[in-house]
Structures are given as structure tokens and as C-alpha cells.
Amino acid sequence: YMAENEYEENEFAKYLRECTVITLLDE
């Protein structure tokens, strides 16, 4: 949210999303 809205660094937001290797959930 901060990357996209507060700092307008969409490339960094994209970087964070792409670097996510696994999402663990407890459901």
C-alpha cells in the first residue's frame, strides 16, 4: 500500500510481489 499510494513507487511494489516465493496460510 505504501509503495503504491504514499510513495508512488509502483516498481518497488511490483518487486515485492514478484519476490514472494511462498504464501503460507493457516486455513
PDB file of all heavy atoms in Angstrom:
ATOM      1  N   TYR A   1       0.833  -1.213   0.000  1.00  0.00           N
ATOM      2  CA  TYR A   1       0.000   0.000   0.000  1.00  0.00           C
ATOM      3  C   TYR A   1       0.865   1.260   0.000  1.00  0.00           C
ATOM      4  O   TYR A   1       0.626   2.193  -0.770  1.00  0.00           O
ATOM      5  CB  TYR A   1      -0.951  -0.005   1.205  1.00  0.00           C
ATOM      6  CG  TYR A   1      -1.799   1.241   1.268  1.00  0.00           C
ATOM      7  CD1 TYR A   1      -2.972   1.342   0.536  1.00  0.00           C
ATOM      8  CD2 TYR A   1      -1.404   2.333   2.034  1.00  0.00           C
ATOM      9  CE1 TYR A   1      -3.748   2.496   0.565  1.00  0.00           C
ATOM     10  CE2 TYR A   1      -2.161   3.491   2.069  1.00  0.00           C
ATOM     11  CZ  TYR A   1      -3.331   3.565   1.338  1.00  0.00           C
ATOM     12  OH  TYR A   1      -4.081   4.712   1.364  1.00  0.00           O
ATOM     13  N   MET A   2       1.860   1.285   0.881  1.00  0.00           N
ATOM     14  CA  MET A   2       2.736   2.458   0.958  1.00  0.00           C
ATOM     15  C   MET A   2       3.485   2.684  -0.350  1.00  0.00           C
ATOM     16  O   MET A   2       3.609   3.815  -0.820  1.00  0.00           O
ATOM     17  CB  MET A   2       3.723   2.322   2.116  1.00  0.00           C
ATOM     18  CG  MET A   2       3.091   2.603   3.457  1.00  0.00           C
ATOM     19  SD  MET A   2       4.306   2.673   4.770  1.00  0.00           S
ATOM     20  CE  MET A   2       4.732   0.964   4.923  1.00  0.00           C
ATOM     21  N   ALA A   3       3.992   1.605  -0.922  1.00  0.00           N
ATOM     22  CA  ALA A   3       4.742   1.729  -2.175  1.00  0.00           C
ATOM     23  C   ALA A   3       3.866   2.323  -3.271  1.00  0.00           C
ATOM     24  O   ALA A   3       4.302   3.208  -4.010  1.00  0.00           O
ATOM     25  CB  ALA A   3       5.285   0.372  -2.599  1.00  0.00           C
ATOM     26  N   GLU A   4       2.639   1.855  -3.355  1.00  0.00           N
ATOM     27  CA  GLU A   4       1.761   2.300  -4.447  1.00  0.00           C
ATOM     28  C   GLU A   4       1.101   3.651  -4.179  1.00  0.00           C
ATOM     29  O   GLU A   4       0.944   4.452  -5.100  1.00  0.00           O
ATOM     30  CB  GLU A   4       0.682   1.250  -4.696  1.00  0.00           C
ATOM     31  CG  GLU A   4       1.232  -0.031  -5.268  1.00  0.00           C
ATOM     32  CD  GLU A   4       0.195  -1.114  -5.437  1.00  0.00           C
ATOM     33  OE1 GLU A   4      -0.858  -1.086  -4.756  1.00  0.00           O
ATOM     34  OE2 GLU A   4       0.446  -2.006  -6.260  1.00  0.00           O
ATOM     35  N   ASN A   5       0.723   3.905  -2.946  1.00  0.00           N
ATOM     36  CA  ASN A   5      -0.099   5.080  -2.660  1.00  0.00           C
ATOM     37  C   ASN A   5       0.643   6.238  -1.998  1.00  0.00           C
ATOM     38  O   ASN A   5       0.444   7.382  -2.370  1.00  0.00           O
ATOM     39  CB  ASN A   5      -1.300   4.676  -1.794  1.00  0.00           C
ATOM     40  CG  ASN A   5      -2.178   3.679  -2.507  1.00  0.00           C
ATOM     41  OD1 ASN A   5      -2.753   3.984  -3.527  1.00  0.00           O
ATOM     42  ND2 ASN A   5      -2.249   2.466  -1.992  1.00  0.00           N
ATOM     43  N   GLU A   6       1.461   5.946  -1.021  1.00  0.00           N
ATOM     44  CA  GLU A   6       2.132   7.024  -0.297  1.00  0.00           C
ATOM     45  C   GLU A   6       3.405   7.481  -0.989  1.00  0.00           C
ATOM     46  O   GLU A   6       3.704   8.664  -1.043  1.00  0.00           O
ATOM     47  CB  GLU A   6       2.433   6.593   1.133  1.00  0.00           C
ATOM     48  CG  GLU A   6       1.173   6.410   1.967  1.00  0.00           C
ATOM     49  CD  GLU A   6       1.473   5.993   3.393  1.00  0.00           C
ATOM     50  OE1 GLU A   6       2.586   6.289   3.883  1.00  0.00           O
ATOM     51  OE2 GLU A   6       0.594   5.357   4.008  1.00  0.00           O
ATOM     52  N   TYR A   7       4.173   6.524  -1.506  1.00  0.00           N
ATOM     53  CA  TYR A   7       5.461   6.865  -2.112  1.00  0.00           C
ATOM     54  C   TYR A   7       5.443   6.817  -3.634  1.00  0.00           C
ATOM     55  O   TYR A   7       6.414   7.192  -4.277  1.00  0.00           O
ATOM     56  CB  TYR A   7       6.558   5.930  -1.584  1.00  0.00           C
ATOM     57  CG  TYR A   7       6.743   6.037  -0.096  1.00  0.00           C
ATOM     58  CD1 TYR A   7       6.343   5.010   0.751  1.00  0.00           C
ATOM     59  CD2 TYR A   7       7.323   7.167   0.465  1.00  0.00           C
ATOM     60  CE1 TYR A   7       6.520   5.110   2.127  1.00  0.00           C
ATOM     61  CE2 TYR A   7       7.499   7.273   1.831  1.00  0.00           C
ATOM     62  CZ  TYR A   7       7.091   6.241   2.658  1.00  0.00           C
ATOM     63  OH  TYR A   7       7.262   6.348   4.008  1.00  0.00           O
ATOM     64  N   GLU A   8       4.346   6.325  -4.199  1.00  0.00           N
ATOM     65  CA  GLU A   8       4.187   6.189  -5.649  1.00  0.00           C
ATOM     66  C   GLU A   8       5.369   5.479  -6.287  1.00  0.00           C
ATOM     67  O   GLU A   8       5.924   5.905  -7.301  1.00  0.00           O
ATOM     68  CB  GLU A   8       3.943   7.562  -6.283  1.00  0.00           C
ATOM     69  CG  GLU A   8       2.648   8.193  -5.820  1.00  0.00           C
ATOM     70  CD  GLU A   8       2.367   9.544  -6.451  1.00  0.00           C
ATOM     71  OE1 GLU A   8       3.160  10.003  -7.307  1.00  0.00           O
ATOM     72  OE2 GLU A   8       1.343  10.139  -6.091  1.00  0.00           O
ATOM     73  N   GLU A   9       5.767   4.385  -5.667  1.00  0.00           N
ATOM     74  CA  GLU A   9       6.860   3.548  -6.176  1.00  0.00           C
ATOM     75  C   GLU A   9       6.289   2.205  -6.613  1.00  0.00           C
ATOM     76  O   GLU A   9       6.492   1.173  -5.981  1.00  0.00           O
ATOM     77  CB  GLU A   9       7.940   3.378  -5.102  1.00  0.00           C
ATOM     78  CG  GLU A   9       8.622   4.668  -4.742  1.00  0.00           C
ATOM     79  CD  GLU A   9       9.697   4.504  -3.693  1.00  0.00           C
ATOM     80  OE1 GLU A   9       9.607   3.583  -2.855  1.00  0.00           O
ATOM     81  OE2 GLU A   9      10.644   5.299  -3.716  1.00  0.00           O
ATOM     82  N   ASN A  10       5.566   2.253  -7.714  1.00  0.00           N
ATOM     83  CA  ASN A  10       4.901   1.046  -8.214  1.00  0.00           C
ATOM     84  C   ASN A  10       5.899  -0.048  -8.579  1.00  0.00           C
ATOM     85  O   ASN A  10       5.590  -1.230  -8.459  1.00  0.00           O
ATOM     86  CB  ASN A  10       4.004   1.382  -9.399  1.00  0.00           C
ATOM     87  CG  ASN A  10       2.813   2.211  -8.978  1.00  0.00           C
ATOM     88  OD1 ASN A  10       2.323   2.086  -7.854  1.00  0.00           O
ATOM     89  ND2 ASN A  10       2.360   3.081  -9.852  1.00  0.00           N
ATOM     90  N   GLU A  11       7.075   0.335  -9.036  1.00  0.00           N
ATOM     91  CA  GLU A  11       8.098  -0.661  -9.382  1.00  0.00           C
ATOM     92  C   GLU A  11       8.546  -1.434  -8.134  1.00  0.00           C
ATOM     93  O   GLU A  11       8.798  -2.629  -8.210  1.00  0.00           O
ATOM     94  CB  GLU A  11       9.292   0.000 -10.058  1.00  0.00           C
ATOM     95  CG  GLU A  11       9.044   0.389 -11.492  1.00  0.00           C
ATOM     96  CD  GLU A  11       8.690  -0.811 -12.369  1.00  0.00           C
ATOM     97  OE1 GLU A  11       9.396  -1.849 -12.307  1.00  0.00           O
ATOM     98  OE2 GLU A  11       7.714  -0.708 -13.129  1.00  0.00           O
ATOM     99  N   PHE A  12       8.639  -0.743  -7.010  1.00  0.00           N
ATOM    100  CA  PHE A  12       9.027  -1.420  -5.776  1.00  0.00           C
ATOM    101  C   PHE A  12       7.906  -2.348  -5.311  1.00  0.00           C
ATOM    102  O   PHE A  12       8.167  -3.460  -4.850  1.00  0.00           O
ATOM    103  CB  PHE A  12       9.389  -0.413  -4.683  1.00  0.00           C
ATOM    104  CG  PHE A  12       9.959  -1.054  -3.448  1.00  0.00           C
ATOM    105  CD1 PHE A  12      11.145  -1.772  -3.511  1.00  0.00           C
ATOM    106  CD2 PHE A  12       9.322  -0.945  -2.234  1.00  0.00           C
ATOM    107  CE1 PHE A  12      11.679  -2.380  -2.382  1.00  0.00           C
ATOM    108  CE2 PHE A  12       9.842  -1.540  -1.096  1.00  0.00           C
ATOM    109  CZ  PHE A  12      11.023  -2.261  -1.173  1.00  0.00           C
ATOM    110  N   ALA A  13       6.673  -1.923  -5.441  1.00  0.00           N
ATOM    111  CA  ALA A  13       5.533  -2.783  -5.099  1.00  0.00           C
ATOM    112  C   ALA A  13       5.543  -4.031  -5.972  1.00  0.00           C
ATOM    113  O   ALA A  13       5.341  -5.152  -5.491  1.00  0.00           O
ATOM    114  CB  ALA A  13       4.223  -2.028  -5.267  1.00  0.00           C
ATOM    115  N   LYS A  14       5.805  -3.849  -7.249  1.00  0.00           N
ATOM    116  CA  LYS A  14       5.895  -4.979  -8.186  1.00  0.00           C
ATOM    117  C   LYS A  14       7.035  -5.901  -7.783  1.00  0.00           C
ATOM    118  O   LYS A  14       6.893  -7.125  -7.779  1.00  0.00           O
ATOM    119  CB  LYS A  14       6.105  -4.461  -9.607  1.00  0.00           C
ATOM    120  CG  LYS A  14       6.197  -5.526 -10.650  1.00  0.00           C
ATOM    121  CD  LYS A  14       6.434  -4.931 -12.032  1.00  0.00           C
ATOM    122  CE  LYS A  14       6.627  -6.039 -13.044  1.00  0.00           C
ATOM    123  NZ  LYS A  14       7.075  -5.533 -14.335  1.00  0.00           N
ATOM    124  N   TYR A  15       8.165  -5.324  -7.432  1.00  0.00           N
ATOM    125  CA  TYR A  15       9.330  -6.095  -6.974  1.00  0.00           C
ATOM    126  C   TYR A  15       8.971  -6.948  -5.760  1.00  0.00           C
ATOM    127  O   TYR A  15       9.292  -8.138  -5.714  1.00  0.00           O
ATOM    128  CB  TYR A  15      10.477  -5.138  -6.655  1.00  0.00           C
ATOM    129  CG  TYR A  15      11.651  -5.786  -5.980  1.00  0.00           C
ATOM    130  CD1 TYR A  15      12.595  -6.488  -6.721  1.00  0.00           C
ATOM    131  CD2 TYR A  15      11.828  -5.692  -4.604  1.00  0.00           C
ATOM    132  CE1 TYR A  15      13.686  -7.085  -6.111  1.00  0.00           C
ATOM    133  CE2 TYR A  15      12.910  -6.281  -3.979  1.00  0.00           C
ATOM    134  CZ  TYR A  15      13.830  -6.977  -4.734  1.00  0.00           C
ATOM    135  OH  TYR A  15      14.894  -7.567  -4.119  1.00  0.00           O
ATOM    136  N   LEU A  16       8.301  -6.355  -4.782  1.00  0.00           N
ATOM    137  CA  LEU A  16       7.914  -7.103  -3.584  1.00  0.00           C
ATOM    138  C   LEU A  16       6.977  -8.265  -3.932  1.00  0.00           C
ATOM    139  O   LEU A  16       7.140  -9.371  -3.421  1.00  0.00           O
ATOM    140  CB  LEU A  16       7.248  -6.178  -2.561  1.00  0.00           C
ATOM    141  CG  LEU A  16       8.144  -5.149  -1.894  1.00  0.00           C
ATOM    142  CD1 LEU A  16       7.316  -4.208  -1.025  1.00  0.00           C
ATOM    143  CD2 LEU A  16       9.226  -5.835  -1.068  1.00  0.00           C
ATOM    144  N   ARG A  17       6.029  -8.000  -4.786  1.00  0.00           N
ATOM    145  CA  ARG A  17       5.095  -9.068  -5.179  1.00  0.00           C
ATOM    146  C   ARG A  17       5.815 -10.196  -5.914  1.00  0.00           C
ATOM    147  O   ARG A  17       5.554 -11.369  -5.671  1.00  0.00           O
ATOM    148  CB  ARG A  17       3.994  -8.501  -6.061  1.00  0.00           C
ATOM    149  CG  ARG A  17       2.950  -7.739  -5.308  1.00  0.00           C
ATOM    150  CD  ARG A  17       1.752  -7.438  -6.213  1.00  0.00           C
ATOM    151  NE  ARG A  17       0.766  -6.677  -5.512  1.00  0.00           N
ATOM    152  CZ  ARG A  17       0.597  -5.359  -5.658  1.00  0.00           C
ATOM    153  NH1 ARG A  17       1.368  -4.674  -6.488  1.00  0.00           N
ATOM    154  NH2 ARG A  17      -0.340  -4.734  -4.980  1.00  0.00           N
ATOM    155  N   GLU A  18       6.704  -9.830  -6.826  1.00  0.00           N
ATOM    156  CA  GLU A  18       7.403 -10.844  -7.614  1.00  0.00           C
ATOM    157  C   GLU A  18       8.403 -11.644  -6.787  1.00  0.00           C
ATOM    158  O   GLU A  18       8.730 -12.773  -7.148  1.00  0.00           O
ATOM    159  CB  GLU A  18       8.103 -10.182  -8.799  1.00  0.00           C
ATOM    160  CG  GLU A  18       7.148  -9.699  -9.856  1.00  0.00           C
ATOM    161  CD  GLU A  18       7.833  -8.942 -10.981  1.00  0.00           C
ATOM    162  OE1 GLU A  18       9.056  -8.659 -10.879  1.00  0.00           O
ATOM    163  OE2 GLU A  18       7.143  -8.624 -11.969  1.00  0.00           O
ATOM    164  N   CYS A  19       8.902 -11.070  -5.725  1.00  0.00           N
ATOM    165  CA  CYS A  19       9.882 -11.763  -4.875  1.00  0.00           C
ATOM    166  C   CYS A  19       9.241 -12.703  -3.866  1.00  0.00           C
ATOM    167  O   CYS A  19       9.946 -13.447  -3.191  1.00  0.00           O
ATOM    168  CB  CYS A  19      10.750 -10.746  -4.139  1.00  0.00           C
ATOM    169  SG  CYS A  19      11.907  -9.919  -5.235  1.00  0.00           S
ATOM    170  N   THR A  20       7.936 -12.671  -3.780  1.00  0.00           N
ATOM    171  CA  THR A  20       7.247 -13.579  -2.859  1.00  0.00           C
ATOM    172  C   THR A  20       7.344 -14.992  -3.423  1.00  0.00           C
ATOM    173  O   THR A  20       6.848 -15.280  -4.503  1.00  0.00           O
ATOM    174  CB  THR A  20       5.773 -13.172  -2.697  1.00  0.00           C
ATOM    175  OG1 THR A  20       5.727 -11.830  -2.207  1.00  0.00           O
ATOM    176  CG2 THR A  20       5.053 -14.102  -1.742  1.00  0.00           C
ATOM    177  N   VAL A  21       8.004 -15.862  -2.665  1.00  0.00           N
ATOM    178  CA  VAL A  21       8.230 -17.222  -3.136  1.00  0.00           C
ATOM    179  C   VAL A  21       7.095 -18.141  -2.713  1.00  0.00           C
ATOM    180  O   VAL A  21       6.635 -18.973  -3.482  1.00  0.00           O
ATOM    181  CB  VAL A  21       9.580 -17.754  -2.599  1.00  0.00           C
ATOM    182  CG1 VAL A  21       9.779 -19.207  -2.952  1.00  0.00           C
ATOM    183  CG2 VAL A  21      10.716 -16.913  -3.122  1.00  0.00           C
ATOM    184  N   ILE A  22       6.636 -17.977  -1.488  1.00  0.00           N
ATOM    185  CA  ILE A  22       5.566 -18.830  -0.990  1.00  0.00           C
ATOM    186  C   ILE A  22       4.699 -18.032  -0.034  1.00  0.00           C
ATOM    187  O   ILE A  22       5.195 -17.190   0.709  1.00  0.00           O
ATOM    188  CB  ILE A  22       6.127 -20.097  -0.297  1.00  0.00           C
ATOM    189  CG1 ILE A  22       5.016 -21.066   0.086  1.00  0.00           C
ATOM    190  CG2 ILE A  22       6.959 -19.725   0.911  1.00  0.00           C
ATOM    191  CD1 ILE A  22       5.518 -22.422   0.525  1.00  0.00           C
ATOM    192  N   THR A  23       3.408 -18.277  -0.104  1.00  0.00           N
ATOM    193  CA  THR A  23       2.467 -17.657   0.814  1.00  0.00           C
ATOM    194  C   THR A  23       1.880 -18.766   1.675  1.00  0.00           C
ATOM    195  O   THR A  23       1.248 -19.685   1.158  1.00  0.00           O
ATOM    196  CB  THR A  23       1.344 -16.929   0.049  1.00  0.00           C
ATOM    197  OG1 THR A  23       1.945 -15.950  -0.798  1.00  0.00           O
ATOM    198  CG2 THR A  23       0.382 -16.258   0.999  1.00  0.00           C
ATOM    199  N   LEU A  24       2.140 -18.666   2.963  1.00  0.00           N
ATOM    200  CA  LEU A  24       1.636 -19.670   3.895  1.00  0.00           C
ATOM    201  C   LEU A  24       0.393 -19.136   4.590  1.00  0.00           C
ATOM    202  O   LEU A  24       0.377 -17.993   5.035  1.00  0.00           O
ATOM    203  CB  LEU A  24       2.707 -20.007   4.937  1.00  0.00           C
ATOM    204  CG  LEU A  24       4.011 -20.555   4.373  1.00  0.00           C
ATOM    205  CD1 LEU A  24       5.036 -20.708   5.483  1.00  0.00           C
ATOM    206  CD2 LEU A  24       3.780 -21.869   3.670  1.00  0.00           C
ATOM    207  N   LEU A  25      -0.613 -19.973   4.657  1.00  0.00           N
ATOM    208  CA  LEU A  25      -1.857 -19.606   5.310  1.00  0.00           C
ATOM    209  C   LEU A  25      -2.167 -20.635   6.386  1.00  0.00           C
ATOM    210  O   LEU A  25      -1.652 -21.750   6.363  1.00  0.00           O
ATOM    211  CB  LEU A  25      -2.993 -19.547   4.289  1.00  0.00           C
ATOM    212  CG  LEU A  25      -2.752 -18.620   3.094  1.00  0.00           C
ATOM    213  CD1 LEU A  25      -3.814 -18.835   2.040  1.00  0.00           C
ATOM    214  CD2 LEU A  25      -2.713 -17.184   3.550  1.00  0.00           C
ATOM    215  N   ASP A  26      -3.014 -20.280   7.280  1.00  0.00           N
ATOM    216  CA  ASP A  26      -3.342 -21.178   8.382  1.00  0.00           C
ATOM    217  C   ASP A  26      -4.735 -21.779   8.219  1.00  0.00           C
ATOM    218  O   ASP A  26      -5.250 -22.396   9.122  1.00  0.00           O
ATOM    219  CB  ASP A  26      -3.256 -20.406   9.705  1.00  0.00           C
ATOM    220  CG  ASP A  26      -3.011 -21.308  10.884  1.00  0.00           C
ATOM    221  OD1 ASP A  26      -2.573 -22.447  10.672  1.00  0.00           O
ATOM    222  OD2 ASP A  26      -3.265 -20.870  12.014  1.00  0.00           O
ATOM    223  N   GLU A  27      -5.336 -21.609   7.050  1.00  0.00           N
ATOM    224  CA  GLU A  27      -6.702 -22.065   6.864  1.00  0.00           C
ATOM    225  C   GLU A  27      -6.803 -23.559   6.553  1.00  0.00           C
ATOM    226  O   GLU A  27      -7.820 -24.175   6.838  1.00  0.00           O
ATOM    227  CB  GLU A  27      -7.396 -21.241   5.784  1.00  0.00           C
ATOM    228  CG  GLU A  27      -6.680 -21.281   4.454  1.00  0.00           C
ATOM    229  CD  GLU A  27      -7.142 -20.203   3.503  1.00  0.00           C
ATOM    230  OE1 GLU A  27      -7.569 -19.136   3.962  1.00  0.00           O
ATOM    231  OE2 GLU A  27      -7.073 -20.459   2.286  1.00  0.00           O
TER     232      GLU A  27
END
